Protein backbone atom coordinates (compact mmCIF):
# COMPACT_ATOMS: atom_id res chain seq x y z
CA GLN A 1 95.07 65.18 92.33
CA LEU A 2 95.75 61.45 92.65
CA GLN A 3 93.11 59.17 91.18
CA ALA A 4 93.11 55.55 92.32
CA SER A 5 91.23 52.77 90.56
CA GLY A 6 91.14 49.01 90.16
CA GLY A 7 89.58 47.88 93.39
CA GLY A 8 86.73 45.42 93.56
CA LEU A 9 85.42 42.15 94.93
CA VAL A 10 87.50 39.03 94.36
CA GLN A 11 87.63 35.54 95.77
CA SER A 12 90.48 34.36 97.94
CA GLY A 13 93.44 33.46 95.74
CA GLY A 14 92.42 35.92 93.05
CA SER A 15 94.23 38.96 91.69
CA LEU A 16 93.64 42.65 91.26
CA ARG A 17 95.72 45.48 89.83
CA LEU A 18 95.41 48.92 91.32
CA SER A 19 96.41 52.07 89.45
CA CYS A 20 96.96 55.59 90.67
CA VAL A 21 97.51 58.47 88.28
CA ALA A 22 98.33 62.09 89.00
CA SER A 23 96.17 64.73 87.45
CA GLY A 24 95.54 68.42 87.56
CA SER A 25 98.14 70.74 88.98
CA ILE A 26 100.49 67.93 90.06
CA PHE A 27 100.39 65.98 86.81
CA SER A 28 103.73 67.30 85.56
CA ILE A 29 105.52 67.06 88.90
CA THR A 30 108.36 64.60 89.32
CA PHE A 31 107.44 62.49 92.31
CA ASN A 32 109.86 61.11 94.83
CA ASP A 33 108.52 58.06 96.66
CA MET A 34 105.13 56.71 95.63
CA GLY A 35 103.26 54.10 97.57
CA TRP A 36 100.13 52.31 98.57
CA TYR A 37 98.58 52.22 102.01
CA ARG A 38 95.52 50.41 103.23
CA GLN A 39 93.06 50.83 106.03
CA ALA A 40 90.64 48.24 107.31
CA PRO A 41 87.81 49.08 109.73
CA GLU A 42 89.07 49.96 113.21
CA ILE A 43 92.68 49.45 112.13
CA GLU A 44 95.24 52.16 111.57
CA ARG A 45 96.31 52.94 108.03
CA GLU A 46 99.38 50.91 107.16
CA LEU A 47 102.00 51.03 104.44
CA VAL A 48 101.62 48.20 101.95
CA ALA A 49 104.36 49.00 99.48
CA ALA A 50 106.45 51.93 98.30
CA VAL A 51 108.72 52.58 95.35
CA SER A 52 111.37 55.26 94.98
CA SER A 53 111.92 57.39 91.90
CA THR A 54 114.70 54.99 90.87
CA GLY A 55 112.49 51.92 91.23
CA SER A 56 113.66 50.60 94.57
CA ALA A 57 110.71 48.95 96.29
CA ASN A 58 109.87 47.85 99.80
CA TYR A 59 106.91 45.89 101.09
CA ALA A 60 105.06 45.10 104.28
CA ASP A 61 105.93 41.62 105.48
CA SER A 62 102.31 40.53 105.09
CA VAL A 63 102.35 41.10 101.31
CA LYS A 64 105.88 40.12 100.34
CA GLY A 65 105.88 37.60 97.53
CA ARG A 66 102.25 38.35 96.64
CA PHE A 67 102.16 42.06 95.77
CA THR A 68 104.32 43.97 93.31
CA ILE A 69 104.55 47.73 93.12
CA SER A 70 105.72 49.49 90.00
CA ARG A 71 105.61 52.96 88.49
CA ASP A 72 105.65 54.65 85.14
CA ASN A 73 107.39 57.99 85.62
CA ALA A 74 106.42 59.21 82.16
CA LYS A 75 102.76 58.80 83.08
CA ASN A 76 103.15 59.72 86.76
CA THR A 77 101.36 56.52 87.60
CA VAL A 78 101.96 53.91 90.27
CA TYR A 79 100.58 50.38 90.17
CA LEU A 80 100.02 47.63 92.68
CA GLN A 81 99.68 44.12 91.33
CA MET A 82 98.05 41.97 94.00
CA ASN A 83 98.14 38.21 93.59
CA ASN A 84 97.01 35.37 95.82
CA LEU A 85 94.71 37.73 97.69
CA LYS A 86 93.53 36.77 101.14
CA PRO A 87 90.49 37.90 103.15
CA GLU A 88 92.82 39.82 105.47
CA ASP A 89 93.80 42.00 102.50
CA THR A 90 90.31 43.48 102.55
CA ALA A 91 90.64 47.23 103.07
CA VAL A 92 90.42 50.60 101.41
CA TYR A 93 93.65 51.14 99.50
CA TYR A 94 95.09 54.62 99.18
CA CYS A 95 97.91 55.79 96.98
CA HIS A 96 100.34 58.40 98.19
CA ALA A 97 103.05 60.40 96.52
CA LEU A 98 105.81 62.64 97.82
CA TYR A 99 107.19 65.56 95.87
CA THR A 100 109.31 68.63 96.40
CA LEU A 101 108.47 72.13 95.28
CA ARG A 102 110.80 75.04 95.95
CA ARG A 103 112.68 72.87 98.47
CA VAL A 104 109.50 72.11 100.45
CA ASP A 105 108.29 68.51 100.70
CA PHE A 106 104.64 67.75 100.08
CA GLY A 107 102.52 64.63 100.16
CA SER A 108 99.37 63.90 98.19
CA TRP A 109 96.75 61.21 98.84
CA GLY A 110 94.41 59.52 96.44
CA GLN A 111 90.75 59.07 97.29
CA GLY A 112 90.94 55.36 98.09
CA THR A 113 89.64 52.27 96.33
CA GLN A 114 87.89 49.39 98.08
CA VAL A 115 89.34 45.91 97.86
CA THR A 116 87.20 43.09 99.22
CA VAL A 117 88.42 39.51 99.28
CA SER A 118 85.86 36.83 100.02
CA SER A 119 86.79 33.50 101.55
């Protein structure tokens, strides 16, 4: 339903851009908040950044000034531009989207994309 891509191996200080696009039965849905989470081994999944349907964004303190989240509502896609990457950013990154159908709120997760930052 949500397809994430763009992960990879990069050196410290490098950049990556993650993308997450909706497909299938939820492709035409208007999403509310969309965001990116990450999970490193033996660490709980944490919110990295989120963006509302109007474009208002918030970030984890650890990525402020380095990461930028954006979305294209026409394409039902959310992006995460990651600059000045650090080894501690290494994790599996998951996209997430909230939507409402018939007054019921739902959440959908992408499959995750690995980001590895070498020192």
